[in-house]
PDB file of N, CA and C in Angstrom:
ATOM      1  N   MET A   1    -242.777  12.088 141.311  1.00  0.00           N
ATOM      2  CA  MET A   1    -241.925  11.774 140.175  1.00  0.00           C
ATOM      3  C   MET A   1    -240.533  12.336 140.479  1.00  0.00           C
ATOM      4  N   TRP A   2    -239.504  11.584 140.081  1.00  0.00           N
ATOM      5  CA  TRP A   2    -238.110  11.972 140.334  1.00  0.00           C
ATOM      6  C   TRP A   2    -237.337  12.032 139.029  1.00  0.00           C
ATOM      7  N   VAL A   3    -236.331  12.891 139.003  1.00  0.00           N
ATOM      8  CA  VAL A   3    -235.504  13.034 137.808  1.00  0.00           C
ATOM      9  C   VAL A   3    -234.035  12.945 138.191  1.00  0.00           C
ATOM     10  N   ARG A   4    -233.275  12.360 137.306  1.00  0.00           N
ATOM     11  CA  ARG A   4    -231.812  12.407 137.379  1.00  0.00           C
ATOM     12  C   ARG A   4    -231.365  13.123 136.122  1.00  0.00           C
ATOM     13  N   THR A   5    -230.652  14.239 136.312  1.00  0.00           N
ATOM     14  CA  THR A   5    -230.105  15.005 135.202  1.00  0.00           C
ATOM     15  C   THR A   5    -228.595  14.852 135.220  1.00  0.00           C
ATOM     16  N   LEU A   6    -228.048  14.463 134.076  1.00  0.00           N
ATOM     17  CA  LEU A   6    -226.602  14.296 133.945  1.00  0.00           C
ATOM     18  C   LEU A   6    -226.081  15.266 132.900  1.00  0.00           C
ATOM     19  N   LYS A   7    -224.984  15.907 133.213  1.00  0.00           N
ATOM     20  CA  LYS A   7    -224.256  16.696 132.220  1.00  0.00           C
ATOM     21  C   LYS A   7    -222.995  15.900 131.937  1.00  0.00           C
ATOM     22  N   ILE A   8    -222.867  15.455 130.699  1.00  0.00           N
ATOM     23  CA  ILE A   8    -221.713  14.645 130.323  1.00  0.00           C
ATOM     24  C   ILE A   8    -220.882  15.426 129.315  1.00  0.00           C
ATOM     25  N   THR A   9    -219.618  15.625 129.657  1.00  0.00           N
ATOM     26  CA  THR A   9    -218.669  16.274 128.757  1.00  0.00           C
ATOM     27  C   THR A   9    -217.733  15.190 128.240  1.00  0.00           C
ATOM     28  N   PHE A  10    -217.837  14.913 126.954  1.00  0.00           N
ATOM     29  CA  PHE A  10    -217.040  13.862 126.329  1.00  0.00           C
ATOM     30  C   PHE A  10    -215.728  14.436 125.807  1.00  0.00           C
ATOM     31  N   LYS A  11    -214.764  13.556 125.579  1.00  0.00           N
ATOM     32  CA  LYS A  11    -213.467  13.992 125.049  1.00  0.00           C
ATOM     33  C   LYS A  11    -213.604  14.533 123.630  1.00  0.00           C
ATOM     34  N   ASN A  12    -214.578  14.003 122.882  1.00  0.00           N
ATOM     35  CA  ASN A  12    -214.768  14.442 121.505  1.00  0.00           C
ATOM     36  C   ASN A  12    -216.168  14.047 121.025  1.00  0.00           C
ATOM     37  N   GLU A  13    -216.519  14.510 119.855  1.00  0.00           N
ATOM     38  CA  GLU A  13    -217.844  14.262 119.295  1.00  0.00           C
ATOM     39  C   GLU A  13    -218.069  12.782 118.993  1.00  0.00           C
ATOM     40  N   PHE A  14    -217.039  12.080 118.534  1.00  0.00           N
ATOM     41  CA  PHE A  14    -217.170  10.655 118.229  1.00  0.00           C
ATOM     42  C   PHE A  14    -217.540   9.866 119.481  1.00  0.00           C
ATOM     43  N   MET A  15    -216.881  10.176 120.588  1.00  0.00           N
ATOM     44  CA  MET A  15    -217.189   9.502 121.849  1.00  0.00           C
ATOM     45  C   MET A  15    -218.629   9.796 122.261  1.00  0.00           C
ATOM     46  N   LYS A  16    -219.049  11.040 122.127  1.00  0.00           N
ATOM     47  CA  LYS A  16    -220.419  11.428 122.481  1.00  0.00           C
ATOM     48  C   LYS A  16    -221.426  10.640 121.659  1.00  0.00           C
ATOM     49  N   GLU A  17    -221.237  10.591 120.362  1.00  0.00           N
ATOM     50  CA  GLU A  17    -222.174   9.880 119.493  1.00  0.00           C
ATOM     51  C   GLU A  17    -222.192   8.386 119.788  1.00  0.00           C
ATOM     52  N   SER A  18    -221.049   7.801 120.066  1.00  0.00           N
ATOM     53  CA  SER A  18    -220.973   6.370 120.371  1.00  0.00           C
ATOM     54  C   SER A  18    -221.718   6.033 121.657  1.00  0.00           C
ATOM     55  N   VAL A  19    -221.476   6.803 122.700  1.00  0.00           N
ATOM     56  CA  VAL A  19    -222.131   6.553 123.986  1.00  0.00           C
ATOM     57  C   VAL A  19    -223.629   6.808 123.872  1.00  0.00           C
ATOM     58  N   GLU A  20    -224.028   7.857 123.178  1.00  0.00           N
ATOM     59  CA  GLU A  20    -225.459   8.137 123.020  1.00  0.00           C
ATOM     60  C   GLU A  20    -226.173   7.015 122.280  1.00  0.00           C
ATOM     61  N   THR A  21    -225.554   6.463 121.265  1.00  0.00           N
ATOM     62  CA  THR A  21    -226.156   5.351 120.534  1.00  0.00           C
ATOM     63  C   THR A  21    -226.350   4.154 121.450  1.00  0.00           C
ATOM     64  N   TYR A  22    -225.340   3.841 122.237  1.00  0.00           N
ATOM     65  CA  TYR A  22    -225.436   2.733 123.190  1.00  0.00           C
ATOM     66  C   TYR A  22    -226.554   2.993 124.198  1.00  0.00           C
ATOM     67  N   MET A  23    -226.553   4.184 124.789  1.00  0.00           N
ATOM     68  CA  MET A  23    -227.534   4.500 125.825  1.00  0.00           C
ATOM     69  C   MET A  23    -228.960   4.464 125.272  1.00  0.00           C
ATOM     70  N   ALA A  24    -229.161   4.982 124.077  1.00  0.00           N
ATOM     71  CA  ALA A  24    -230.500   5.004 123.486  1.00  0.00           C
ATOM     72  C   ALA A  24    -231.035   3.598 123.252  1.00  0.00           C
ATOM     73  N   SER A  25    -230.158   2.666 122.906  1.00  0.00           N
ATOM     74  CA  SER A  25    -230.623   1.312 122.606  1.00  0.00           C
ATOM     75  C   SER A  25    -230.641   0.387 123.816  1.00  0.00           C
ATOM     76  N   LYS A  26    -229.819   0.638 124.825  1.00  0.00           N
ATOM     77  CA  LYS A  26    -229.688  -0.296 125.951  1.00  0.00           C
ATOM     78  C   LYS A  26    -230.174   0.239 127.291  1.00  0.00           C
ATOM     79  N   VAL A  27    -230.303   1.546 127.444  1.00  0.00           N
ATOM     80  CA  VAL A  27    -230.571   2.119 128.766  1.00  0.00           C
ATOM     81  C   VAL A  27    -231.902   2.864 128.831  1.00  0.00           C
ATOM     82  N   ASP A  28    -232.186   3.692 127.837  1.00  0.00           N
ATOM     83  CA  ASP A  28    -233.396   4.517 127.885  1.00  0.00           C
ATOM     84  C   ASP A  28    -234.641   3.663 128.066  1.00  0.00           C
ATOM     85  N   LEU A  29    -235.514   4.129 128.953  1.00  0.00           N
ATOM     86  CA  LEU A  29    -236.804   3.506 129.230  1.00  0.00           C
ATOM     87  C   LEU A  29    -236.684   2.078 129.752  1.00  0.00           C
ATOM     88  N   THR A  30    -235.623   1.804 130.514  1.00  0.00           N
ATOM     89  CA  THR A  30    -235.473   0.518 131.188  1.00  0.00           C
ATOM     90  C   THR A  30    -235.544   0.732 132.692  1.00  0.00           C
ATOM     91  N   GLU A  31    -235.681  -0.345 133.418  1.00  0.00           N
ATOM     92  CA  GLU A  31    -235.622  -0.321 134.889  1.00  0.00           C
ATOM     93  C   GLU A  31    -236.602   0.666 135.513  1.00  0.00           C
ATOM     94  N   GLY A  32    -237.792   0.785 134.938  1.00  0.00           N
ATOM     95  CA  GLY A  32    -238.813   1.648 135.514  1.00  0.00           C
ATOM     96  C   GLY A  32    -238.785   3.093 135.060  1.00  0.00           C
ATOM     97  N   MET A  33    -237.836   3.463 134.202  1.00  0.00           N
ATOM     98  CA  MET A  33    -237.767   4.840 133.695  1.00  0.00           C
ATOM     99  C   MET A  33    -239.032   5.134 132.888  1.00  0.00           C
ATOM    100  N   ILE A  34    -239.621   6.306 133.092  1.00  0.00           N
ATOM    101  CA  ILE A  34    -240.861   6.630 132.393  1.00  0.00           C
ATOM    102  C   ILE A  34    -240.702   7.695 131.304  1.00  0.00           C
ATOM    103  N   LEU A  35    -239.580   8.401 131.297  1.00  0.00           N
ATOM    104  CA  LEU A  35    -239.353   9.447 130.302  1.00  0.00           C
ATOM    105  C   LEU A  35    -237.860   9.714 130.210  1.00  0.00           C
ATOM    106  N   SER A  36    -237.385   9.949 128.999  1.00  0.00           N
ATOM    107  CA  SER A  36    -235.974  10.271 128.792  1.00  0.00           C
ATOM    108  C   SER A  36    -235.870  11.286 127.664  1.00  0.00           C
ATOM    109  N   TYR A  37    -235.009  12.279 127.855  1.00  0.00           N
ATOM    110  CA  TYR A  37    -234.693  13.179 126.747  1.00  0.00           C
ATOM    111  C   TYR A  37    -233.294  13.749 126.938  1.00  0.00           C
ATOM    112  N   ARG A  38    -232.718  14.201 125.820  1.00  0.00           N
ATOM    113  CA  ARG A  38    -231.362  14.746 125.822  1.00  0.00           C
ATOM    114  C   ARG A  38    -231.358  16.145 125.211  1.00  0.00           C
ATOM    115  N   VAL A  39    -230.418  16.936 125.667  1.00  0.00           N
ATOM    116  CA  VAL A  39    -230.204  18.272 125.115  1.00  0.00           C
ATOM    117  C   VAL A  39    -228.748  18.334 124.672  1.00  0.00           C
ATOM    118  N   HIS A  40    -228.511  18.572 123.387  1.00  0.00           N
ATOM    119  CA  HIS A  40    -227.149  18.722 122.889  1.00  0.00           C
ATOM    120  C   HIS A  40    -226.700  20.153 123.148  1.00  0.00           C
ATOM    121  N   VAL A  41    -225.777  20.317 124.075  1.00  0.00           N
ATOM    122  CA  VAL A  41    -225.279  21.635 124.451  1.00  0.00           C
ATOM    123  C   VAL A  41    -224.197  22.087 123.477  1.00  0.00           C
ATOM    124  N   SER A  42    -223.349  21.154 123.070  1.00  0.00           N
ATOM    125  CA  SER A  42    -222.299  21.436 122.091  1.00  0.00           C
ATOM    126  C   SER A  42    -221.916  20.121 121.427  1.00  0.00           C
ATOM    127  N   SER A  43    -220.889  20.152 120.589  1.00  0.00           N
ATOM    128  CA  SER A  43    -220.507  18.942 119.860  1.00  0.00           C
ATOM    129  C   SER A  43    -220.018  17.825 120.775  1.00  0.00           C
ATOM    130  N   ASN A  44    -219.624  18.165 122.006  1.00  0.00           N
ATOM    131  CA  ASN A  44    -219.146  17.118 122.913  1.00  0.00           C
ATOM    132  C   ASN A  44    -219.797  17.162 124.305  1.00  0.00           C
ATOM    133  N   VAL A  45    -220.865  17.942 124.460  1.00  0.00           N
ATOM    134  CA  VAL A  45    -221.546  18.036 125.759  1.00  0.00           C
ATOM    135  C   VAL A  45    -223.034  17.752 125.574  1.00  0.00           C
ATOM    136  N   VAL A  46    -223.575  16.924 126.467  1.00  0.00           N
ATOM    137  CA  VAL A  46    -224.997  16.591 126.418  1.00  0.00           C
ATOM    138  C   VAL A  46    -225.579  16.622 127.832  1.00  0.00           C
ATOM    139  N   LEU A  47    -226.822  17.077 127.930  1.00  0.00           N
ATOM    140  CA  LEU A  47    -227.588  16.967 129.170  1.00  0.00           C
ATOM    141  C   LEU A  47    -228.564  15.818 128.976  1.00  0.00           C
ATOM    142  N   VAL A  48    -228.573  14.880 129.903  1.00  0.00           N
ATOM    143  CA  VAL A  48    -229.451  13.716 129.838  1.00  0.00           C
ATOM    144  C   VAL A  48    -230.426  13.810 131.000  1.00  0.00           C
ATOM    145  N   ASN A  49    -231.700  13.612 130.718  1.00  0.00           N
ATOM    146  CA  ASN A  49    -232.729  13.686 131.748  1.00  0.00           C
ATOM    147  C   ASN A  49    -233.522  12.388 131.757  1.00  0.00           C
ATOM    148  N   HIS A  50    -233.510  11.708 132.894  1.00  0.00           N
ATOM    149  CA  HIS A  50    -234.253  10.459 133.073  1.00  0.00           C
ATOM    150  C   HIS A  50    -235.275  10.664 134.179  1.00  0.00           C
ATOM    151  N   PHE A  51    -236.519  10.349 133.902  1.00  0.00           N
ATOM    152  CA  PHE A  51    -237.608  10.521 134.867  1.00  0.00           C
ATOM    153  C   PHE A  51    -238.087   9.165 135.372  1.00  0.00           C
ATOM    154  N   PHE A  52    -238.420   9.116 136.663  1.00  0.00           N
ATOM    155  CA  PHE A  52    -238.839   7.884 137.329  1.00  0.00           C
ATOM    156  C   PHE A  52    -240.076   8.157 138.176  1.00  0.00           C
ATOM    157  N   PRO A  53    -240.910   7.132 138.400  1.00  0.00           N
ATOM    158  CA  PRO A  53    -242.130   7.355 139.177  1.00  0.00           C
ATOM    159  C   PRO A  53    -241.876   7.639 140.658  1.00  0.00           C
ATOM    160  N   THR A  54    -240.800   7.075 141.225  1.00  0.00           N
ATOM    161  CA  THR A  54    -240.499   7.267 142.648  1.00  0.00           C
ATOM    162  C   THR A  54    -238.999   7.413 142.856  1.00  0.00           C
ATOM    163  N   LYS A  55    -238.636   7.909 144.012  1.00  0.00           N
ATOM    164  CA  LYS A  55    -237.223   8.030 144.371  1.00  0.00           C
ATOM    165  C   LYS A  55    -236.572   6.651 144.442  1.00  0.00           C
ATOM    166  N   GLN A  56    -237.303   5.654 144.941  1.00  0.00           N
ATOM    167  CA  GLN A  56    -236.751   4.308 145.069  1.00  0.00           C
ATOM    168  C   GLN A  56    -236.412   3.708 143.704  1.00  0.00           C
ATOM    169  N   VAL A  57    -237.267   3.915 142.722  1.00  0.00           N
ATOM    170  CA  VAL A  57    -237.000   3.410 141.370  1.00  0.00           C
ATOM    171  C   VAL A  57    -235.785   4.125 140.790  1.00  0.00           C
ATOM    172  N   GLN A  58    -235.693   5.431 141.004  1.00  0.00           N
ATOM    173  CA  GLN A  58    -234.542   6.199 140.517  1.00  0.00           C
ATOM    174  C   GLN A  58    -233.251   5.706 141.163  1.00  0.00           C
ATOM    175  N   GLU A  59    -233.270   5.452 142.460  1.00  0.00           N
ATOM    176  CA  GLU A  59    -232.076   4.976 143.161  1.00  0.00           C
ATOM    177  C   GLU A  59    -231.663   3.585 142.687  1.00  0.00           C
ATOM    178  N   ALA A  60    -232.631   2.701 142.436  1.00  0.00           N
ATOM    179  CA  ALA A  60    -232.317   1.358 141.936  1.00  0.00           C
ATOM    180  C   ALA A  60    -231.697   1.440 140.542  1.00  0.00           C
ATOM    181  N   PHE A  61    -232.238   2.303 139.688  1.00  0.00           N
ATOM    182  CA  PHE A  61    -231.685   2.505 138.352  1.00  0.00           C
ATOM    183  C   PHE A  61    -230.252   3.016 138.445  1.00  0.00           C
ATOM    184  N   THR A  62    -230.041   4.006 139.301  1.00  0.00           N
ATOM    185  CA  THR A  62    -228.718   4.603 139.474  1.00  0.00           C
ATOM    186  C   THR A  62    -227.703   3.559 139.917  1.00  0.00           C
ATOM    187  N   ALA A  63    -228.085   2.706 140.855  1.00  0.00           N
ATOM    188  CA  ALA A  63    -227.180   1.658 141.341  1.00  0.00           C
ATOM    189  C   ALA A  63    -226.857   0.660 140.237  1.00  0.00           C
ATOM    190  N   LYS A  64    -227.861   0.262 139.472  1.00  0.00           N
ATOM    191  CA  LYS A  64    -227.637  -0.723 138.410  1.00  0.00           C
ATOM    192  C   LYS A  64    -226.755  -0.164 137.293  1.00  0.00           C
ATOM    193  N   LEU A  65    -226.878   1.136 137.024  1.00  0.00           N
ATOM    194  CA  LEU A  65    -226.113   1.748 135.928  1.00  0.00           C
ATOM    195  C   LEU A  65    -224.747   2.259 136.353  1.00  0.00           C
ATOM    196  N   LYS A  66    -224.395   2.109 137.615  1.00  0.00           N
ATOM    197  CA  LYS A  66    -223.104   2.604 138.096  1.00  0.00           C
ATOM    198  C   LYS A  66    -221.929   2.053 137.282  1.00  0.00           C
ATOM    199  N   PRO A  67    -221.884   0.747 136.961  1.00  0.00           N
ATOM    200  CA  PRO A  67    -220.752   0.249 136.157  1.00  0.00           C
ATOM    201  C   PRO A  67    -220.657   0.907 134.776  1.00  0.00           C
ATOM    202  N   VAL A  68    -221.789   1.193 134.164  1.00  0.00           N
ATOM    203  CA  VAL A  68    -221.779   1.855 132.853  1.00  0.00           C
ATOM    204  C   VAL A  68    -221.222   3.268 132.998  1.00  0.00           C
ATOM    205  N   ARG A  69    -221.701   3.986 134.020  1.00  0.00           N
ATOM    206  CA  ARG A  69    -221.216   5.351 134.268  1.00  0.00           C
ATOM    207  C   ARG A  69    -219.711   5.342 134.527  1.00  0.00           C
ATOM    208  N   GLU A  70    -219.237   4.360 135.302  1.00  0.00           N
ATOM    209  CA  GLU A  70    -217.803   4.268 135.593  1.00  0.00           C
ATOM    210  C   GLU A  70    -216.988   4.009 134.332  1.00  0.00           C
ATOM    211  N   GLN A  71    -217.520   3.210 133.407  1.00  0.00           N
ATOM    212  CA  GLN A  71    -216.814   2.965 132.141  1.00  0.00           C
ATOM    213  C   GLN A  71    -216.723   4.243 131.310  1.00  0.00           C
ATOM    214  N   ILE A  72    -217.806   5.000 131.287  1.00  0.00           N
ATOM    215  CA  ILE A  72    -217.804   6.256 130.530  1.00  0.00           C
ATOM    216  C   ILE A  72    -216.758   7.211 131.104  1.00  0.00           C
ATOM    217  N   VAL A  73    -216.684   7.296 132.421  1.00  0.00           N
ATOM    218  CA  VAL A  73    -215.685   8.151 133.077  1.00  0.00           C
ATOM    219  C   VAL A  73    -214.276   7.638 132.789  1.00  0.00           C
ATOM    220  N   SER A  74    -214.099   6.318 132.795  1.00  0.00           N
ATOM    221  CA  SER A  74    -212.761   5.755 132.552  1.00  0.00           C
ATOM    222  C   SER A  74    -212.270   6.041 131.134  1.00  0.00           C
ATOM    223  N   MET A  75    -213.201   6.330 130.211  1.00  0.00           N
ATOM    224  CA  MET A  75    -212.819   6.681 128.839  1.00  0.00           C
ATOM    225  C   MET A  75    -212.469   8.161 128.719  1.00  0.00           C
ATOM    226  N   GLY A  76    -212.616   8.914 129.819  1.00  0.00           N
ATOM    227  CA  GLY A  76    -212.206  10.310 129.806  1.00  0.00           C
ATOM    228  C   GLY A  76    -213.331  11.324 129.864  1.00  0.00           C
ATOM    229  N   ALA A  77    -214.562  10.865 129.991  1.00  0.00           N
ATOM    230  CA  ALA A  77    -215.680  11.806 130.077  1.00  0.00           C
ATOM    231  C   ALA A  77    -215.819  12.335 131.500  1.00  0.00           C
ATOM    232  N   LYS A  78    -216.372  13.518 131.608  1.00  0.00           N
ATOM    233  CA  LYS A  78    -216.692  14.105 132.914  1.00  0.00           C
ATOM    234  C   LYS A  78    -218.209  14.017 133.076  1.00  0.00           C
ATOM    235  N   VAL A  79    -218.666  13.421 134.187  1.00  0.00           N
ATOM    236  CA  VAL A  79    -220.099  13.242 134.422  1.00  0.00           C
ATOM    237  C   VAL A  79    -220.494  13.972 135.698  1.00  0.00           C
ATOM    238  N   GLU A  80    -221.429  14.897 135.566  1.00  0.00           N
ATOM    239  CA  GLU A  80    -221.999  15.602 136.720  1.00  0.00           C
ATOM    240  C   GLU A  80    -223.472  15.218 136.778  1.00  0.00           C
ATOM    241  N   PHE A  81    -223.984  14.917 137.981  1.00  0.00           N
ATOM    242  CA  PHE A  81    -225.392  14.548 138.048  1.00  0.00           C
ATOM    243  C   PHE A  81    -226.093  15.202 139.224  1.00  0.00           C
ATOM    244  N   HIS A  82    -227.391  15.376 139.021  1.00  0.00           N
ATOM    245  CA  HIS A  82    -228.264  15.984 140.023  1.00  0.00           C
ATOM    246  C   HIS A  82    -229.564  15.202 140.039  1.00  0.00           C
ATOM    247  N   ASP A  83    -230.049  14.893 141.236  1.00  0.00           N
ATOM    248  CA  ASP A  83    -231.303  14.176 141.408  1.00  0.00           C
ATOM    249  C   ASP A  83    -232.275  15.064 142.161  1.00  0.00           C
ATOM    250  N   GLY A  84    -233.546  14.906 141.883  1.00  0.00           N
ATOM    251  CA  GLY A  84    -234.526  15.665 142.645  1.00  0.00           C
ATOM    252  C   GLY A  84    -235.948  15.321 142.283  1.00  0.00           C
ATOM    253  N   GLU A  85    -236.837  15.778 143.140  1.00  0.00           N
ATOM    254  CA  GLU A  85    -238.260  15.574 142.902  1.00  0.00           C
ATOM    255  C   GLU A  85    -238.738  16.579 141.859  1.00  0.00           C
ATOM    256  N   VAL A  86    -239.563  16.108 140.946  1.00  0.00           N
ATOM    257  CA  VAL A  86    -240.095  16.953 139.881  1.00  0.00           C
ATOM    258  C   VAL A  86    -241.313  17.704 140.411  1.00  0.00           C
ATOM    259  N   TRP A  87    -241.357  18.982 140.136  1.00  0.00           N
ATOM    260  CA  TRP A  87    -242.535  19.788 140.483  1.00  0.00           C
ATOM    261  C   TRP A  87    -242.766  20.782 139.353  1.00  0.00           C
ATOM    262  N   GLY A  88    -243.968  21.222 139.182  1.00  0.00           N
ATOM    263  CA  GLY A  88    -244.267  22.214 138.153  1.00  0.00           C
ATOM    264  C   GLY A  88    -244.134  21.685 136.741  1.00  0.00           C
ATOM    265  N   PHE A  89    -244.291  20.386 136.549  1.00  0.00           N
ATOM    266  CA  PHE A  89    -244.183  19.787 135.217  1.00  0.00           C
ATOM    267  C   PHE A  89    -245.451  20.129 134.441  1.00  0.00           C
ATOM    268  N   LYS A  90    -245.309  20.821 133.318  1.00  0.00           N
ATOM    269  CA  LYS A  90    -246.468  21.244 132.534  1.00  0.00           C
ATOM    270  C   LYS A  90    -246.236  20.959 131.060  1.00  0.00           C
ATOM    271  N   VAL A  91    -247.318  20.634 130.386  1.00  0.00           N
ATOM    272  CA  VAL A  91    -247.305  20.452 128.940  1.00  0.00           C
ATOM    273  C   VAL A  91    -248.539  21.166 128.402  1.00  0.00           C
ATOM    274  N   ALA A  92    -248.376  21.941 127.345  1.00  0.00           N
ATOM    275  CA  ALA A  92    -249.504  22.659 126.751  1.00  0.00           C
ATOM    276  C   ALA A  92    -250.578  21.673 126.299  1.00  0.00           C
ATOM    277  N   GLY A  93    -251.825  22.078 126.395  1.00  0.00           N
ATOM    278  CA  GLY A  93    -252.943  21.204 126.068  1.00  0.00           C
ATOM    279  C   GLY A  93    -252.969  20.723 124.634  1.00  0.00           C
ATOM    280  N   ASP A  94    -252.383  21.467 123.711  1.00  0.00           N
ATOM    281  CA  ASP A  94    -252.413  21.063 122.304  1.00  0.00           C
ATOM    282  C   ASP A  94    -251.185  20.252 121.885  1.00  0.00           C
ATOM    283  N   VAL A  95    -250.302  19.945 122.821  1.00  0.00           N
ATOM    284  CA  VAL A  95    -249.115  19.143 122.520  1.00  0.00           C
ATOM    285  C   VAL A  95    -249.483  17.666 122.656  1.00  0.00           C
ATOM    286  N   THR A  96    -249.160  16.893 121.629  1.00  0.00           N
ATOM    287  CA  THR A  96    -249.460  15.459 121.657  1.00  0.00           C
ATOM    288  C   THR A  96    -248.189  14.658 121.913  1.00  0.00           C
ATOM    289  N   LEU A  97    -248.378  13.410 122.302  1.00  0.00           N
ATOM    290  CA  LEU A  97    -247.239  12.524 122.510  1.00  0.00           C
ATOM    291  C   LEU A  97    -246.444  12.357 121.217  1.00  0.00           C
ATOM    292  N   ASP A  98    -247.132  12.268 120.082  1.00  0.00           N
ATOM    293  CA  ASP A  98    -246.435  12.157 118.797  1.00  0.00           C
ATOM    294  C   ASP A  98    -245.548  13.374 118.542  1.00  0.00           C
ATOM    295  N   MET A  99    -246.031  14.563 118.889  1.00  0.00           N
ATOM    296  CA  MET A  99    -245.231  15.773 118.699  1.00  0.00           C
ATOM    297  C   MET A  99    -243.973  15.723 119.556  1.00  0.00           C
ATOM    298  N   LEU A 100    -244.104  15.297 120.796  1.00  0.00           N
ATOM    299  CA  LEU A 100    -242.944  15.215 121.678  1.00  0.00           C
ATOM    300  C   LEU A 100    -241.941  14.181 121.174  1.00  0.00           C
ATOM    301  N   MET A 101    -242.428  13.042 120.732  1.00  0.00           N
ATOM    302  CA  MET A 101    -241.540  11.966 120.278  1.00  0.00           C
ATOM    303  C   MET A 101    -240.834  12.319 118.977  1.00  0.00           C
ATOM    304  N   ASN A 102    -241.440  13.183 118.174  1.00  0.00           N
ATOM    305  CA  ASN A 102    -240.863  13.550 116.879  1.00  0.00           C
ATOM    306  C   ASN A 102    -240.210  14.923 116.899  1.00  0.00           C
ATOM    307  N   GLY A 103    -239.834  15.393 118.054  1.00  0.00           N
ATOM    308  CA  GLY A 103    -239.152  16.684 118.138  1.00  0.00           C
ATOM    309  C   GLY A 103    -240.038  17.852 117.767  1.00  0.00           C
ATOM    310  N   MET A 104    -241.317  17.772 118.104  1.00  0.00           N
ATOM    311  CA  MET A 104    -242.311  18.824 117.870  1.00  0.00           C
ATOM    312  C   MET A 104    -242.664  18.978 116.398  1.00  0.00           C
ATOM    313  N   GLN A 105    -242.289  18.025 115.566  1.00  0.00           N
ATOM    314  CA  GLN A 105    -242.701  18.054 114.169  1.00  0.00           C
ATOM    315  C   GLN A 105    -243.934  17.173 114.036  1.00  0.00           C
ATOM    316  N   THR A 106    -244.953  17.665 113.386  1.00  0.00           N
ATOM    317  CA  THR A 106    -246.196  16.913 113.257  1.00  0.00           C
ATOM    318  C   THR A 106    -246.256  16.102 111.977  1.00  0.00           C
ATOM    319  N   GLU A 107    -245.240  16.171 111.152  1.00  0.00           N
ATOM    320  CA  GLU A 107    -245.240  15.450 109.873  1.00  0.00           C
ATOM    321  C   GLU A 107    -244.341  14.249 109.927  1.00  0.00           C
TER     322      GLU A 107
END
């Protein structure tokens, strides 16, 4: 399994929210992606994590999304990314998929 982690620093919170809305509806879980999650670091910084079954699928996704990434940069965002093989991935036995999808809330 492979992951691409992006740290995106937006010019402002409005830009961050706009891009996140677009990405959530048009990009997440496409092109072979098997898992996606975001971490809000601050009002204008987000960490994005996309997981793929193989390095080849991750590379194909990266190539296809290059124009989108370039547009985000052209609007003034700073994008840093790191790719690598996933190891040591663990989930507690009592954690369900519903809990993960709902932000660990069971209600």
